[in-house]
Protein backbone atom coordinates (compact mmCIF):
# COMPACT_ATOMS: atom_id res chain seq x y z
CA UNK A 1 1.42 -18.66 26.90
CA UNK A 2 -0.83 -17.64 29.94
CA UNK A 3 -1.21 -14.05 30.29
CA UNK A 4 0.95 -12.32 33.30
CA UNK A 5 0.58 -8.84 34.79
CA UNK A 6 4.39 -8.33 33.59
CA UNK A 7 5.56 -9.49 30.20
CA UNK A 8 8.73 -11.48 30.15
CA UNK A 9 11.12 -10.21 27.70
CA UNK A 10 12.04 -12.23 24.60
CA UNK A 11 15.52 -13.32 24.56
CA UNK A 12 16.57 -11.09 21.70
CA UNK A 13 15.56 -8.10 22.82
CA UNK A 14 17.62 -8.44 26.08
CA UNK A 15 20.10 -5.60 25.83
CA UNK A 16 18.64 -3.99 23.32
CA UNK A 17 15.26 -3.27 25.68
CA UNK A 18 15.00 -2.72 29.01
CA UNK A 19 11.83 -4.84 30.75
CA UNK A 20 9.48 -1.74 31.47
CA UNK A 21 10.20 -0.65 27.79
CA UNK A 22 8.62 -4.07 26.63
CA UNK A 23 5.85 -4.23 29.43
CA UNK A 24 4.86 -0.48 28.28
CA UNK A 25 5.35 -1.16 24.36
CA UNK A 26 2.57 -3.98 24.61
CA UNK A 27 0.25 -2.03 27.08
CA UNK A 28 0.59 0.95 24.10
CA UNK A 29 0.53 -1.28 21.51
CA UNK A 30 -2.60 -3.31 22.56
CA UNK A 31 -4.69 -0.19 23.34
CA UNK A 32 -4.01 1.49 19.52
CA UNK A 33 -4.90 -1.92 18.10
CA UNK A 34 -8.10 -2.57 19.58
CA UNK A 35 -9.16 1.25 19.55
CA UNK A 36 -8.38 0.91 15.44
CA UNK A 37 -9.51 -2.61 15.23
CA UNK A 38 -13.09 -1.56 16.37
CA UNK A 39 -13.72 1.56 14.21
CA UNK A 40 -12.95 -0.45 11.11
CA UNK A 41 -15.83 -3.12 12.72
CA UNK A 42 -13.43 -5.99 12.51
CA UNK A 43 -15.20 -9.55 13.50
CA UNK A 44 -13.33 -10.30 16.47
CA UNK A 45 -13.01 -7.10 18.07
CA UNK A 46 -16.79 -8.26 19.21
CA UNK A 47 -15.73 -11.08 21.54
CA UNK A 48 -11.62 -9.95 22.25
CA UNK A 49 -10.80 -8.09 25.03
CA UNK A 50 -7.98 -6.47 25.85
CA UNK A 51 -6.45 -9.33 27.75
CA UNK A 52 -6.85 -11.47 24.40
CA UNK A 53 -5.07 -9.01 22.22
CA UNK A 54 -1.93 -8.80 24.83
CA UNK A 55 -1.82 -12.62 24.87
CA UNK A 56 -1.91 -13.21 21.20
CA UNK A 57 0.45 -9.63 20.68
CA UNK A 58 2.94 -11.30 23.19
CA UNK A 59 2.62 -14.96 21.20
CA UNK A 60 3.26 -13.21 18.14
CA UNK A 61 6.57 -11.46 19.61
CA UNK A 62 8.46 -14.61 20.83
CA UNK A 63 7.08 -16.98 17.86
CA UNK A 64 9.10 -15.06 15.27
CA UNK A 65 9.20 -11.68 15.91
CA UNK A 66 13.06 -11.24 15.72
CA UNK A 67 12.54 -11.54 11.90
CA UNK A 68 10.53 -10.63 8.94
CA UNK A 69 8.36 -13.41 8.02
CA UNK A 70 8.38 -12.27 4.10
CA UNK A 71 11.68 -11.57 3.57
CA UNK A 72 14.12 -13.11 6.14
CA UNK A 73 15.41 -9.80 7.27
CA UNK A 74 16.40 -9.20 10.57
CA UNK A 75 14.14 -6.39 12.80
CA UNK A 76 15.43 -3.12 14.03
CA UNK A 77 14.26 -3.32 17.45
CA UNK A 78 16.44 -0.49 18.26
CA UNK A 79 14.76 1.65 15.86
CA UNK A 80 11.33 1.66 18.27
CA UNK A 81 11.16 4.98 20.14
CA UNK A 82 13.78 6.99 18.51
CA UNK A 83 13.93 9.58 16.62
CA UNK A 84 14.17 7.46 13.35
CA UNK A 85 10.74 6.47 14.28
CA UNK A 86 9.10 10.14 14.94
CA UNK A 87 5.98 10.88 13.11
CA UNK A 88 7.57 13.20 10.89
CA UNK A 89 9.51 10.55 9.03
CA UNK A 90 6.69 7.67 8.86
CA UNK A 91 4.34 7.79 5.86
CA UNK A 92 0.94 9.43 5.86
CA UNK A 93 -2.24 8.69 3.79
CA UNK A 94 -0.17 9.09 0.41
CA UNK A 95 3.92 10.42 1.39
CA UNK A 96 6.75 8.59 1.26
CA UNK A 97 8.59 6.02 3.88
CA UNK A 98 11.82 7.30 5.21
CA UNK A 99 14.59 4.18 4.48
CA UNK A 100 16.08 4.59 7.39
CA UNK A 101 12.64 2.78 9.15
CA UNK A 102 11.78 0.11 6.60
CA UNK A 103 12.86 -2.62 8.89
CA UNK A 104 11.50 -1.12 11.99
CA UNK A 105 9.30 -3.59 13.50
CA UNK A 106 5.07 -3.37 13.13
CA UNK A 107 2.14 -5.12 14.28
CA UNK A 108 -0.08 -6.55 11.73
CA UNK A 109 -2.46 -8.81 11.38
CA UNK A 110 -2.28 -12.18 9.11
CA UNK A 111 -6.00 -12.05 7.80
CA UNK A 112 -8.02 -8.88 8.52
CA UNK A 113 -10.82 -10.78 7.57
CA UNK A 114 -10.50 -13.49 9.42
CA UNK A 115 -13.21 -14.12 12.37
CA UNK A 116 -9.76 -15.62 14.29
CA UNK A 117 -7.47 -12.67 16.24
CA UNK A 118 -4.11 -13.70 14.77
CA UNK A 119 -1.48 -11.16 15.04
CA UNK A 120 2.13 -11.37 13.58
CA UNK A 121 5.18 -8.89 13.69
CA UNK A 122 7.13 -7.95 10.26
CA UNK A 123 8.69 -4.75 8.98
CA UNK A 124 7.07 -1.63 8.49
CA UNK A 125 7.54 -2.11 4.89
CA UNK A 126 6.09 -5.46 4.62
CA UNK A 127 3.14 -3.98 6.36
CA UNK A 128 2.85 -1.02 4.26
CA UNK A 129 2.86 -3.51 1.25
CA UNK A 130 0.86 -5.86 2.67
CA UNK A 131 -2.22 -3.62 2.32
CA UNK A 132 -5.46 -5.33 2.88
CA UNK A 133 -4.37 -8.91 2.17
CA UNK A 134 -4.25 -12.00 4.28
CA UNK A 135 -0.73 -13.23 4.43
CA UNK A 136 -1.53 -15.78 1.78
CA UNK A 137 -2.69 -13.63 -0.62
CA UNK A 138 0.25 -10.75 -0.57
CA UNK A 139 2.86 -13.40 -0.82
CA UNK A 140 0.39 -14.98 -4.15
CA UNK A 141 0.32 -11.84 -5.31
CA UNK A 142 4.04 -11.19 -5.25
CA UNK A 143 4.96 -14.07 -6.86
CA UNK A 144 2.34 -13.24 -9.65
CA UNK A 145 3.99 -9.95 -9.89
CA UNK A 146 7.41 -12.01 -9.86
CA UNK A 147 6.13 -14.31 -12.51
CA UNK A 148 4.65 -11.62 -14.85
CA UNK A 149 7.77 -9.06 -14.90
CA UNK A 150 10.30 -11.99 -15.20
CA UNK A 151 13.76 -11.58 -15.59
CA UNK A 152 13.93 -8.25 -17.00
CA UNK A 153 15.26 -5.60 -15.27
CA UNK A 154 13.10 -4.20 -12.42
CA UNK A 155 10.95 -1.96 -14.50
CA UNK A 156 7.33 -2.65 -14.68
CA UNK A 157 6.09 -3.39 -17.92
CA UNK A 158 4.16 -0.36 -19.21
CA UNK A 159 5.85 2.09 -16.90
CA UNK A 160 8.45 3.45 -19.59
CA UNK A 161 10.57 6.42 -19.30
CA UNK A 162 8.99 8.19 -22.29
CA UNK A 163 5.30 8.11 -23.44
CA UNK A 164 4.21 7.76 -27.12
CA UNK A 165 1.66 10.12 -27.27
CA UNK A 166 2.39 13.66 -27.91
CA UNK A 167 -0.86 14.57 -28.78
CA UNK A 168 -2.72 17.08 -26.70
CA UNK A 169 -5.48 15.20 -24.60
CA UNK A 170 -8.01 18.06 -25.01
CA UNK A 171 -7.79 17.12 -29.09
CA UNK A 172 -7.74 13.15 -27.97
CA UNK A 173 -11.20 10.92 -27.98
CA UNK A 174 -10.78 7.88 -25.46
CA UNK A 175 -8.05 5.02 -25.92
CA UNK A 176 -9.81 2.68 -28.47
CA UNK A 177 -9.96 0.32 -25.47
CA UNK A 178 -11.89 2.56 -23.48
CA UNK A 179 -14.73 2.79 -26.76
CA UNK A 180 -18.03 1.68 -25.45
CA UNK A 181 -17.31 1.95 -21.54
CA UNK A 182 -16.62 6.09 -21.73
CA UNK A 183 -17.49 8.85 -23.83
CA UNK A 184 -15.18 11.68 -24.93
CA UNK A 185 -16.81 14.04 -22.05
CA UNK A 186 -16.40 11.46 -19.62
CA UNK A 187 -13.27 10.81 -20.42
CA UNK A 188 -11.96 14.06 -20.21
CA UNK A 189 -13.85 14.64 -16.99
CA UNK A 190 -12.00 11.24 -15.59
CA UNK A 191 -8.43 13.18 -16.58
CA UNK A 192 -9.51 16.89 -14.98
CA UNK A 193 -10.53 14.50 -11.76
CA UNK A 194 -7.39 12.55 -10.99
CA UNK A 195 -5.37 15.42 -12.16
CA UNK A 196 -6.60 17.94 -9.56
CA UNK A 197 -6.58 15.58 -6.86
CA UNK A 198 -2.84 14.71 -7.61
CA UNK A 199 -2.02 17.87 -7.85
CA UNK A 200 -3.42 19.46 -4.64
CA UNK A 201 -2.04 16.03 -3.14
CA UNK A 202 1.11 16.96 -4.43
CA UNK A 203 1.22 20.55 -3.50
CA UNK A 204 0.28 19.42 0.23
CA UNK A 205 2.75 17.21 0.29
CA UNK A 206 5.49 19.97 -0.96
CA UNK A 207 6.37 17.39 -3.93
CA UNK A 208 8.93 19.29 -6.41
CA UNK A 209 6.50 18.26 -9.39
CA UNK A 210 3.70 20.41 -8.02
CA UNK A 211 5.58 23.20 -7.59
CA UNK A 212 7.08 22.62 -11.24
CA UNK A 213 3.84 21.24 -13.31
CA UNK A 214 0.60 22.65 -13.44
CA UNK A 215 -2.71 20.80 -13.77
CA UNK A 216 -2.98 21.68 -17.39
CA UNK A 217 0.85 19.14 -17.78
CA UNK A 218 -0.79 16.38 -15.50
CA UNK A 219 -3.74 16.21 -17.46
CA UNK A 220 -1.73 15.72 -20.79
CA UNK A 221 0.82 13.10 -18.63
CA UNK A 222 -1.99 11.45 -17.23
CA UNK A 223 -3.66 11.16 -20.76
CA UNK A 224 -0.28 9.67 -22.38
CA UNK A 225 -0.33 6.90 -19.38
CA UNK A 226 -3.49 5.58 -20.28
CA UNK A 227 -2.76 5.79 -24.00
CA UNK A 228 0.50 4.15 -23.55
CA UNK A 229 -0.75 1.24 -20.91
CA UNK A 230 -3.76 1.80 -19.03
CA UNK A 231 -5.77 -1.24 -20.42
CA UNK A 232 -3.82 -3.72 -18.17
CA UNK A 233 -2.20 -3.56 -14.92
CA UNK A 234 1.66 -3.21 -15.46
CA UNK A 235 2.66 -5.75 -12.29
CA UNK A 236 0.55 -8.44 -13.08
CA UNK A 237 -0.86 -8.36 -16.34
CA UNK A 238 -4.55 -8.48 -15.68
CA UNK A 239 -7.58 -6.38 -17.33
CA UNK A 240 -8.53 -3.13 -15.61
CA UNK A 241 -12.05 -2.85 -14.68
CA UNK A 242 -13.04 0.23 -16.43
CA UNK A 243 -16.76 -0.25 -15.68
CA UNK A 244 -16.40 0.21 -12.17
CA UNK A 245 -15.81 3.55 -12.86
CA UNK A 246 -19.43 3.83 -14.30
CA UNK A 247 -20.91 2.64 -11.52
CA UNK A 248 -21.01 5.46 -9.33
CA UNK A 249 -22.94 8.69 -10.03
CA UNK A 250 -19.49 10.85 -9.85
CA UNK A 251 -15.76 10.22 -9.34
CA UNK A 252 -15.52 12.32 -6.09
CA UNK A 253 -17.67 9.69 -4.73
CA UNK A 254 -16.40 6.69 -5.77
CA UNK A 255 -13.00 7.73 -4.55
CA UNK A 256 -14.31 8.11 -1.37
CA UNK A 257 -15.96 4.83 -1.04
CA UNK A 258 -12.58 3.01 -2.61
CA UNK A 259 -11.10 4.97 0.72
CA UNK A 260 -13.87 4.13 2.94
CA UNK A 261 -12.97 0.19 1.27
CA UNK A 262 -9.34 0.78 2.09
CA UNK A 263 -9.87 1.51 5.86
CA UNK A 264 -12.36 -1.23 6.58
CA UNK A 265 -9.78 -4.15 5.07
CA UNK A 266 -12.85 -6.27 4.59
CA UNK A 267 -13.71 -8.92 2.26
CA UNK A 268 -15.80 -7.01 0.00
CA UNK A 269 -13.78 -5.18 -1.48
CA UNK A 270 -11.91 -7.62 -3.47
CA UNK A 271 -14.47 -6.60 -6.43
CA UNK A 272 -12.45 -3.35 -6.37
CA UNK A 273 -8.76 -4.94 -6.63
CA UNK A 274 -9.08 -4.16 -10.51
CA UNK A 275 -10.07 -0.71 -10.47
CA UNK A 276 -7.96 1.46 -12.49
CA UNK A 277 -5.55 4.04 -10.40
CA UNK A 278 -3.33 6.83 -11.35
CA UNK A 279 0.15 6.41 -10.09
CA UNK A 280 3.02 8.74 -9.63
CA UNK A 281 6.04 6.30 -10.86
CA UNK A 282 8.40 8.40 -8.60
CA UNK A 283 6.75 10.96 -7.09
CA UNK A 284 9.79 12.25 -5.55
CA UNK A 285 12.12 12.80 -8.31
CA UNK A 286 10.50 15.79 -9.23
CA UNK A 287 10.05 14.45 -12.91
CA UNK A 288 6.22 14.09 -13.90
CA UNK A 289 5.56 10.64 -14.83
CA UNK A 290 2.56 8.61 -14.64
CA UNK A 291 1.48 4.92 -15.06
CA UNK A 292 -1.66 3.34 -14.80
CA UNK A 293 -2.60 0.21 -12.23
CA UNK A 294 -4.95 -1.84 -10.41
CA UNK A 295 -6.18 -0.73 -7.29
CA UNK A 296 -4.65 -3.44 -5.28
CA UNK A 297 -1.00 -2.86 -7.20
CA UNK A 298 -1.20 0.42 -5.91
CA UNK A 299 -2.33 -0.05 -2.48
CA UNK A 300 0.75 -2.61 -2.21
CA UNK A 301 3.21 -0.56 -4.04
CA UNK A 302 2.87 1.76 -1.15
CA UNK A 303 5.69 4.34 -1.10
CA UNK A 304 8.04 2.23 -3.31
CA UNK A 305 8.99 3.26 -6.85
CA UNK A 306 8.34 0.15 -9.90
CA UNK A 307 11.67 -0.97 -9.74
CA UNK A 308 11.84 -1.11 -5.84
CA UNK A 309 8.17 -2.94 -6.32
CA UNK A 310 9.27 -5.40 -8.09
CA UNK A 311 12.25 -6.01 -6.09
CA UNK A 312 10.55 -6.53 -3.17
CA UNK A 313 7.77 -8.56 -4.42
CA UNK A 314 10.99 -11.00 -5.98
CA UNK A 315 12.61 -11.06 -2.32
CA UNK A 316 9.19 -12.10 -0.78
CA UNK A 317 8.89 -14.53 -3.41
CA UNK A 318 12.24 -16.18 -3.32
CA UNK A 319 11.72 -16.34 0.30
CA UNK A 320 8.45 -17.80 0.11
CA UNK A 321 10.09 -20.67 -2.11
């Protein structure tokens, strides 16, 4: 499709959007996407202009903008620009996503690490769960989660509602699988760092668990999560790479490095896919429950509960065939 000054309205948007609204959305989306890609130093930004982005975005809208490419659900274009899509309901860095806008269309890179600009339109929830993966990698990941969890109810292995460890964390050495990797001092430092950062983050997000539980409670629950199922990722069964924790001089710099890598979405961050991360089972329930999973699973799990995430992966795997 050749670039034109006036963007033609896709047939499925007739009666939903006006020509003016569609043209404005194209221009605004291109400006925002191009600025973000340049900030993240993605390879294709060197040779791509605004006109190239506009053309690729138009092609993506016409080629498959009516349905989500991962689940086949019809996208809710009527939500764009409405009160349901306001910033108050959008996810923050660690916030929850309002379910009312799960199917709102989002612009996504098919492969953010590719030197070629390839765009697609997908559901907002799929865009969040896809994280930094390419389309093929995301589908493969969903299939691996589906295969590992099998035909069990929608609860991840290792994501138990009652933890077997009741011994205070202060009296416990590291779990046996951490012998030779972390000393008792390093393990307790890890517990304190995770508990403190999670508690402060939950307070900032005004979650009920932060109001009901202290940092000491967070440490105890995180310790129980490490003991009950911290050796393997609960969604794929892969062994977690605790040796990556010791590759940094301090945990704070490790977290900052991971966040920078997540923002960059480059190929090089694959070495951190199995980095162990402490994750809420359901941060909005008010009950303090954690699980240990890989950085990749945590990123793809996005704002979903374990049950919702597994169901979503099953729907992606089923639709992909």
